[in-house]
Amino acid sequence: MARLRSFIIAAFATMTVANPLPDPTAQLQTRQFPTDQNDLVGGPCKDFTLVFARGTWELSNMGAVIGPQLCSMLKEQISPNRVACQGVDGMYHALSPPNFLSANTDAKSIAAAATILELATTKCPNTQVFAAGYSQGTAVIDYAVQEIKPEVRDKIKAVALFGFTRNIRDHGGVPGYPQDKVKIYCAPADPVCEDILILTPQHYTYGVYADDASKFLASKANLST
């Protein structure tokens, strides 16, 4: 069957038990986390830096589905005083049209993420970097990691991708980056991970993976520095 390459907002009337809505409690919890993080750009250097790219249509630079929770739980895993969180913004506006492109995002968005990753290593040469993205943000991070200079890429300790739009095309990883340093999170029955860009309620449940992802990222870092 040919892959579908269009965005469809699925009508909730068609969503039955097979496609349950996210837990409303989780949605309320999401709003308790800051959805804008500029620790790298506006603050002092920390031992660890998380660079996160939000999904399409998400507001602020961390969005709300998974970014804020991941930042908070990573700080809990390591130490609030040792972790900086930075959302990708600038020329990345998280708009819908770039999803239709062959890269599942556009060059300006990729460049925005690459700029932040490079800033982390130039401003803070001793920081250990984590990269993560959700939905369109996964493509942004995927390509940014591929396109940055090797010396910058080497500073990235691990990558976590939630609802990876390029999961099929890139064979469950980031080309040119060590597979054991990448963890892909695909919610059950989320078509996006199957290269079918249909948005169902499952695509908005990735906040439940924040704890596991924070543990994965922390496990790849040198926490003794």
C-alpha atoms as a PDB file:
ATOM      1  CA  MET A   1       0.000   0.000   0.000  1.00  0.00           C
ATOM      2  CA  ALA A   2       1.378   3.401  -0.883  1.00  0.00           C
ATOM      3  CA  ARG A   3       2.351   5.582   2.050  1.00  0.00           C
ATOM      4  CA  LEU A   4       0.025   8.437   2.804  1.00  0.00           C
ATOM      5  CA  ARG A   5       1.777  11.764   2.656  1.00  0.00           C
ATOM      6  CA  SER A   6      -0.875  14.167   3.841  1.00  0.00           C
ATOM      7  CA  PHE A   7      -1.782  15.692   7.172  1.00  0.00           C
ATOM      8  CA  ILE A   8      -5.255  14.798   8.393  1.00  0.00           C
ATOM      9  CA  ILE A   9      -6.790  15.992  11.615  1.00  0.00           C
ATOM     10  CA  ALA A  10      -8.838  12.956  12.509  1.00  0.00           C
ATOM     11  CA  ALA A  11     -12.423  13.668  13.559  1.00  0.00           C
ATOM     12  CA  PHE A  12     -12.934  12.786  17.188  1.00  0.00           C
ATOM     13  CA  ALA A  13     -16.259  11.207  16.282  1.00  0.00           C
ATOM     14  CA  THR A  14     -14.327   8.418  14.600  1.00  0.00           C
ATOM     15  CA  MET A  15     -12.143   7.769  17.628  1.00  0.00           C
ATOM     16  CA  THR A  16     -13.490   4.862  19.685  1.00  0.00           C
ATOM     17  CA  VAL A  17     -11.954   2.579  22.267  1.00  0.00           C
ATOM     18  CA  ALA A  18      -9.236   1.660  19.766  1.00  0.00           C
ATOM     19  CA  ASN A  19      -8.106   5.284  19.801  1.00  0.00           C
ATOM     20  CA  PRO A  20      -8.569   6.536  23.379  1.00  0.00           C
ATOM     21  CA  LEU A  21      -8.091  10.185  24.221  1.00  0.00           C
ATOM     22  CA  PRO A  22      -5.161  11.165  26.445  1.00  0.00           C
ATOM     23  CA  ASP A  23      -5.811  11.214  30.172  1.00  0.00           C
ATOM     24  CA  PRO A  24      -7.250  14.667  31.055  1.00  0.00           C
ATOM     25  CA  THR A  25      -5.219  14.568  34.270  1.00  0.00           C
ATOM     26  CA  ALA A  26      -2.028  14.325  32.231  1.00  0.00           C
ATOM     27  CA  GLN A  27      -3.127  17.366  30.237  1.00  0.00           C
ATOM     28  CA  LEU A  28      -3.573  19.374  33.438  1.00  0.00           C
ATOM     29  CA  GLN A  29      -0.187  18.250  34.691  1.00  0.00           C
ATOM     30  CA  THR A  30       1.398  19.348  31.434  1.00  0.00           C
ATOM     31  CA  ARG A  31       0.290  22.951  32.013  1.00  0.00           C
ATOM     32  CA  GLN A  32       2.157  23.060  35.312  1.00  0.00           C
ATOM     33  CA  PHE A  33       5.519  22.949  33.525  1.00  0.00           C
ATOM     34  CA  PRO A  34       7.100  26.040  31.936  1.00  0.00           C
ATOM     35  CA  THR A  35       6.634  25.880  28.167  1.00  0.00           C
ATOM     36  CA  ASP A  36       9.441  28.331  27.392  1.00  0.00           C
ATOM     37  CA  GLN A  37      13.046  27.524  28.285  1.00  0.00           C
ATOM     38  CA  ASN A  38      16.067  29.699  27.483  1.00  0.00           C
ATOM     39  CA  ASP A  39      18.610  28.503  30.015  1.00  0.00           C
ATOM     40  CA  LEU A  40      21.375  28.289  27.420  1.00  0.00           C
ATOM     41  CA  VAL A  41      20.738  31.564  25.610  1.00  0.00           C
ATOM     42  CA  GLY A  42      19.940  33.643  28.669  1.00  0.00           C
ATOM     43  CA  GLY A  43      21.716  31.943  31.534  1.00  0.00           C
ATOM     44  CA  PRO A  44      25.083  30.659  32.743  1.00  0.00           C
ATOM     45  CA  CYS A  45      26.665  27.457  31.467  1.00  0.00           C
ATOM     46  CA  LYS A  46      25.631  24.218  33.126  1.00  0.00           C
ATOM     47  CA  ASP A  47      27.241  20.782  33.131  1.00  0.00           C
ATOM     48  CA  PHE A  48      24.454  19.421  30.903  1.00  0.00           C
ATOM     49  CA  THR A  49      22.352  21.068  28.210  1.00  0.00           C
ATOM     50  CA  LEU A  50      19.109  19.740  26.716  1.00  0.00           C
ATOM     51  CA  VAL A  51      18.205  21.124  23.274  1.00  0.00           C
ATOM     52  CA  PHE A  52      14.571  20.408  22.403  1.00  0.00           C
ATOM     53  CA  ALA A  53      12.519  20.988  19.224  1.00  0.00           C
ATOM     54  CA  ARG A  54       8.744  21.116  19.716  1.00  0.00           C
ATOM     55  CA  GLY A  55       6.039  19.742  17.432  1.00  0.00           C
ATOM     56  CA  THR A  56       3.902  21.420  14.800  1.00  0.00           C
ATOM     57  CA  TRP A  57       1.566  24.141  16.111  1.00  0.00           C
ATOM     58  CA  GLU A  58       2.976  23.935  19.649  1.00  0.00           C
ATOM     59  CA  LEU A  59       3.393  27.279  21.381  1.00  0.00           C
ATOM     60  CA  SER A  60       6.505  28.613  23.143  1.00  0.00           C
ATOM     61  CA  ASN A  61       9.837  26.976  22.400  1.00  0.00           C
ATOM     62  CA  MET A  62       9.266  23.762  24.379  1.00  0.00           C
ATOM     63  CA  GLY A  63       5.657  23.084  23.441  1.00  0.00           C
ATOM     64  CA  ALA A  64       3.444  21.262  25.922  1.00  0.00           C
ATOM     65  CA  VAL A  65       3.152  17.586  24.949  1.00  0.00           C
ATOM     66  CA  ILE A  66       6.575  16.338  26.107  1.00  0.00           C
ATOM     67  CA  GLY A  67       9.257  19.077  26.134  1.00  0.00           C
ATOM     68  CA  PRO A  68       8.545  20.722  29.506  1.00  0.00           C
ATOM     69  CA  GLN A  69       8.114  17.388  31.278  1.00  0.00           C
ATOM     70  CA  LEU A  70      11.342  16.048  29.797  1.00  0.00           C
ATOM     71  CA  CYS A  71      13.248  19.118  30.969  1.00  0.00           C
ATOM     72  CA  SER A  72      11.819  18.888  34.479  1.00  0.00           C
ATOM     73  CA  MET A  73      12.458  15.172  34.866  1.00  0.00           C
ATOM     74  CA  LEU A  74      15.978  15.397  33.441  1.00  0.00           C
ATOM     75  CA  LYS A  75      16.740  18.008  36.081  1.00  0.00           C
ATOM     76  CA  GLU A  76      15.364  15.630  38.696  1.00  0.00           C
ATOM     77  CA  GLN A  77      17.477  12.764  37.335  1.00  0.00           C
ATOM     78  CA  ILE A  78      20.727  14.731  37.417  1.00  0.00           C
ATOM     79  CA  SER A  79      20.372  17.935  39.451  1.00  0.00           C
ATOM     80  CA  PRO A  80      18.329  21.111  38.883  1.00  0.00           C
ATOM     81  CA  ASN A  81      21.476  23.198  39.242  1.00  0.00           C
ATOM     82  CA  ARG A  82      23.449  21.217  36.659  1.00  0.00           C
ATOM     83  CA  VAL A  83      21.006  21.063  33.730  1.00  0.00           C
ATOM     84  CA  ALA A  84      20.150  23.813  31.241  1.00  0.00           C
ATOM     85  CA  CYS A  85      17.121  23.415  28.954  1.00  0.00           C
ATOM     86  CA  GLN A  86      16.833  25.286  25.679  1.00  0.00           C
ATOM     87  CA  GLY A  87      13.982  25.154  23.187  1.00  0.00           C
ATOM     88  CA  VAL A  88      14.630  25.644  19.485  1.00  0.00           C
ATOM     89  CA  ASP A  89      13.014  28.822  18.185  1.00  0.00           C
ATOM     90  CA  GLY A  90      14.424  31.580  15.966  1.00  0.00           C
ATOM     91  CA  MET A  91      13.673  30.488  12.399  1.00  0.00           C
ATOM     92  CA  TYR A  92      11.861  27.356  13.584  1.00  0.00           C
ATOM     93  CA  HIS A  93       8.209  28.355  13.759  1.00  0.00           C
ATOM     94  CA  ALA A  94       6.730  24.821  13.965  1.00  0.00           C
ATOM     95  CA  LEU A  95       4.312  25.496  11.100  1.00  0.00           C
ATOM     96  CA  SER A  96       2.415  22.796   9.236  1.00  0.00           C
ATOM     97  CA  PRO A  97       3.541  23.234   5.569  1.00  0.00           C
ATOM     98  CA  PRO A  98       7.156  22.062   6.095  1.00  0.00           C
ATOM     99  CA  ASN A  99       5.832  18.629   7.059  1.00  0.00           C
ATOM    100  CA  PHE A 100       4.960  18.109   3.387  1.00  0.00           C
ATOM    101  CA  LEU A 101       8.581  18.491   2.288  1.00  0.00           C
ATOM    102  CA  SER A 102      10.793  15.477   1.694  1.00  0.00           C
ATOM    103  CA  ALA A 103      12.707  16.115   4.921  1.00  0.00           C
ATOM    104  CA  ASN A 104       9.463  16.481   6.923  1.00  0.00           C
ATOM    105  CA  THR A 105      10.645  19.983   7.823  1.00  0.00           C
ATOM    106  CA  ASP A 106      12.496  22.844   6.112  1.00  0.00           C
ATOM    107  CA  ALA A 107      16.080  24.080   5.888  1.00  0.00           C
ATOM    108  CA  LYS A 108      15.512  27.149   8.091  1.00  0.00           C
ATOM    109  CA  SER A 109      14.144  25.011  10.899  1.00  0.00           C
ATOM    110  CA  ILE A 110      17.067  22.611  10.681  1.00  0.00           C
ATOM    111  CA  ALA A 111      19.504  25.522  10.687  1.00  0.00           C
ATOM    112  CA  ALA A 112      17.828  26.954  13.789  1.00  0.00           C
ATOM    113  CA  ALA A 113      18.423  23.721  15.704  1.00  0.00           C
ATOM    114  CA  ALA A 114      21.972  23.404  14.402  1.00  0.00           C
ATOM    115  CA  THR A 115      22.691  26.951  15.584  1.00  0.00           C
ATOM    116  CA  ILE A 116      21.497  26.120  19.109  1.00  0.00           C
ATOM    117  CA  LEU A 117      23.543  22.907  19.209  1.00  0.00           C
ATOM    118  CA  GLU A 118      26.626  24.803  18.059  1.00  0.00           C
ATOM    119  CA  LEU A 119      25.981  27.568  20.595  1.00  0.00           C
ATOM    120  CA  ALA A 120      25.903  25.002  23.379  1.00  0.00           C
ATOM    121  CA  THR A 121      29.414  23.825  22.513  1.00  0.00           C
ATOM    122  CA  THR A 122      30.937  27.243  21.796  1.00  0.00           C
ATOM    123  CA  LYS A 123      29.426  29.152  24.702  1.00  0.00           C
ATOM    124  CA  CYS A 124      29.792  26.211  27.085  1.00  0.00           C
ATOM    125  CA  PRO A 125      32.702  24.055  25.843  1.00  0.00           C
ATOM    126  CA  ASN A 126      32.525  21.748  28.857  1.00  0.00           C
ATOM    127  CA  THR A 127      28.795  21.050  28.741  1.00  0.00           C
ATOM    128  CA  GLN A 128      27.435  17.632  27.789  1.00  0.00           C
ATOM    129  CA  VAL A 129      24.624  18.003  25.272  1.00  0.00           C
ATOM    130  CA  PHE A 130      21.360  16.084  24.880  1.00  0.00           C
ATOM    131  CA  ALA A 131      19.104  16.580  21.858  1.00  0.00           C
ATOM    132  CA  ALA A 132      15.414  15.724  21.679  1.00  0.00           C
ATOM    133  CA  GLY A 133      12.394  16.465  19.538  1.00  0.00           C
ATOM    134  CA  TYR A 134       8.702  15.755  19.161  1.00  0.00           C
ATOM    135  CA  SER A 135       6.708  15.298  15.942  1.00  0.00           C
ATOM    136  CA  GLN A 136       8.077  17.764  13.349  1.00  0.00           C
ATOM    137  CA  GLY A 137      10.756  18.534  15.910  1.00  0.00           C
ATOM    138  CA  THR A 138      12.119  15.007  15.467  1.00  0.00           C
ATOM    139  CA  ALA A 139      12.923  15.755  11.827  1.00  0.00           C
ATOM    140  CA  VAL A 140      14.451  19.085  12.861  1.00  0.00           C
ATOM    141  CA  ILE A 141      16.760  17.384  15.363  1.00  0.00           C
ATOM    142  CA  ASP A 142      17.438  14.426  13.055  1.00  0.00           C
ATOM    143  CA  TYR A 143      18.796  16.626  10.282  1.00  0.00           C
ATOM    144  CA  ALA A 144      20.508  19.121  12.588  1.00  0.00           C
ATOM    145  CA  VAL A 145      22.538  16.335  14.201  1.00  0.00           C
ATOM    146  CA  GLN A 146      23.537  15.128  10.740  1.00  0.00           C
ATOM    147  CA  GLU A 147      24.535  18.584   9.483  1.00  0.00           C
ATOM    148  CA  ILE A 148      26.514  20.040  12.393  1.00  0.00           C
ATOM    149  CA  LYS A 149      30.289  19.843  12.473  1.00  0.00           C
ATOM    150  CA  PRO A 150      31.738  16.525  13.694  1.00  0.00           C
ATOM    151  CA  GLU A 151      33.290  18.191  16.728  1.00  0.00           C
ATOM    152  CA  VAL A 152      29.857  19.494  17.736  1.00  0.00           C
ATOM    153  CA  ARG A 153      28.174  16.150  17.065  1.00  0.00           C
ATOM    154  CA  ASP A 154      30.730  14.446  19.305  1.00  0.00           C
ATOM    155  CA  LYS A 155      29.535  16.573  22.235  1.00  0.00           C
ATOM    156  CA  ILE A 156      26.002  15.183  21.930  1.00  0.00           C
ATOM    157  CA  LYS A 157      25.708  12.378  24.457  1.00  0.00           C
ATOM    158  CA  ALA A 158      22.279  11.083  23.444  1.00  0.00           C
ATOM    159  CA  VAL A 159      19.195  11.806  21.336  1.00  0.00           C
ATOM    160  CA  ALA A 160      15.542  11.084  22.186  1.00  0.00           C
ATOM    161  CA  LEU A 161      12.839  11.360  19.519  1.00  0.00           C
ATOM    162  CA  PHE A 162       9.105  11.233  20.247  1.00  0.00           C
ATOM    163  CA  GLY A 163       6.648  10.471  17.440  1.00  0.00           C
ATOM    164  CA  PHE A 164       9.515  10.242  14.938  1.00  0.00           C
ATOM    165  CA  THR A 165       8.178  11.303  11.551  1.00  0.00           C
ATOM    166  CA  ARG A 166      11.241   9.855   9.803  1.00  0.00           C
ATOM    167  CA  ASN A 167      11.244   6.587  11.720  1.00  0.00           C
ATOM    168  CA  ILE A 168      10.725   4.447   8.614  1.00  0.00           C
ATOM    169  CA  ARG A 169      12.855   6.493   6.234  1.00  0.00           C
ATOM    170  CA  ASP A 170      15.814   6.702   8.625  1.00  0.00           C
ATOM    171  CA  HIS A 171      15.468   3.118   9.879  1.00  0.00           C
ATOM    172  CA  GLY A 172      14.803   3.982  13.507  1.00  0.00           C
ATOM    173  CA  GLY A 173      17.871   6.138  14.020  1.00  0.00           C
ATOM    174  CA  VAL A 174      19.810   9.234  13.057  1.00  0.00           C
ATOM    175  CA  PRO A 175      22.031   8.624  10.007  1.00  0.00           C
ATOM    176  CA  GLY A 176      25.698   8.974  10.863  1.00  0.00           C
ATOM    177  CA  TYR A 177      25.085   9.050  14.617  1.00  0.00           C
ATOM    178  CA  PRO A 178      25.629   6.026  16.930  1.00  0.00           C
ATOM    179  CA  GLN A 179      22.495   3.905  17.159  1.00  0.00           C
ATOM    180  CA  ASP A 180      23.063   3.081  20.826  1.00  0.00           C
ATOM    181  CA  LYS A 181      22.851   6.775  21.679  1.00  0.00           C
ATOM    182  CA  VAL A 182      19.406   7.184  20.109  1.00  0.00           C
ATOM    183  CA  LYS A 183      16.066   6.177  21.608  1.00  0.00           C
ATOM    184  CA  ILE A 184      12.899   6.370  19.557  1.00  0.00           C
ATOM    185  CA  TYR A 185       9.530   6.628  21.296  1.00  0.00           C
ATOM    186  CA  CYS A 186       6.519   5.593  19.236  1.00  0.00           C
ATOM    187  CA  ALA A 187       3.167   5.453  20.976  1.00  0.00           C
ATOM    188  CA  PRO A 188       1.109   2.343  20.124  1.00  0.00           C
ATOM    189  CA  ALA A 189      -1.004   2.951  17.017  1.00  0.00           C
ATOM    190  CA  ASP A 190       0.542   6.343  16.255  1.00  0.00           C
ATOM    191  CA  PRO A 191       0.597   6.384  12.418  1.00  0.00           C
ATOM    192  CA  VAL A 192       3.228   9.132  12.348  1.00  0.00           C
ATOM    193  CA  CYS A 193       5.914   6.603  13.246  1.00  0.00           C
ATOM    194  CA  GLU A 194       4.847   4.515  10.241  1.00  0.00           C
ATOM    195  CA  ASP A 195       5.447   7.370   7.785  1.00  0.00           C
ATOM    196  CA  ILE A 196       1.719   8.096   7.676  1.00  0.00           C
ATOM    197  CA  LEU A 197       1.155  11.693   8.735  1.00  0.00           C
ATOM    198  CA  ILE A 198      -2.270  11.310  10.272  1.00  0.00           C
ATOM    199  CA  LEU A 199      -2.758  12.950  13.650  1.00  0.00           C
ATOM    200  CA  THR A 200      -4.676  10.768  16.093  1.00  0.00           C
ATOM    201  CA  PRO A 201      -5.060  11.172  19.879  1.00  0.00           C
ATOM    202  CA  GLN A 202      -2.157   8.760  20.407  1.00  0.00           C
ATOM    203  CA  HIS A 203       0.178  11.341  18.908  1.00  0.00           C
ATOM    204  CA  TYR A 204      -0.464  13.630  21.875  1.00  0.00           C
ATOM    205  CA  THR A 205       0.322  11.123  24.634  1.00  0.00           C
ATOM    206  CA  TYR A 206       4.128  11.311  24.616  1.00  0.00           C
ATOM    207  CA  GLY A 207       4.309  13.005  27.984  1.00  0.00           C
ATOM    208  CA  VAL A 208       4.038   9.548  29.561  1.00  0.00           C
ATOM    209  CA  TYR A 209       7.532   8.768  28.237  1.00  0.00           C
ATOM    210  CA  ALA A 210       9.255  11.714  29.902  1.00  0.00           C
ATOM    211  CA  ASP A 211      10.486   9.728  32.899  1.00  0.00           C
ATOM    212  CA  ASP A 212      11.922   6.883  30.837  1.00  0.00           C
ATOM    213  CA  ALA A 213      13.523   9.294  28.372  1.00  0.00           C
ATOM    214  CA  SER A 214      15.137  11.334  31.131  1.00  0.00           C
ATOM    215  CA  LYS A 215      16.658   8.151  32.542  1.00  0.00           C
ATOM    216  CA  PHE A 216      17.926   7.142  29.108  1.00  0.00           C
ATOM    217  CA  LEU A 217      19.564  10.514  28.483  1.00  0.00           C
ATOM    218  CA  ALA A 218      21.147  10.587  31.924  1.00  0.00           C
ATOM    219  CA  SER A 219      22.476   7.055  31.448  1.00  0.00           C
ATOM    220  CA  LYS A 220      24.548   8.229  28.473  1.00  0.00           C
ATOM    221  CA  ALA A 221      26.183  11.125  30.306  1.00  0.00           C
ATOM    222  CA  ASN A 222      29.247  11.298  32.502  1.00  0.00           C
ATOM    223  CA  LEU A 223      27.582  12.369  35.727  1.00  0.00           C
ATOM    224  CA  SER A 224      30.832  12.456  37.718  1.00  0.00           C
ATOM    225  CA  THR A 225      32.161  15.583  36.026  1.00  0.00           C
END
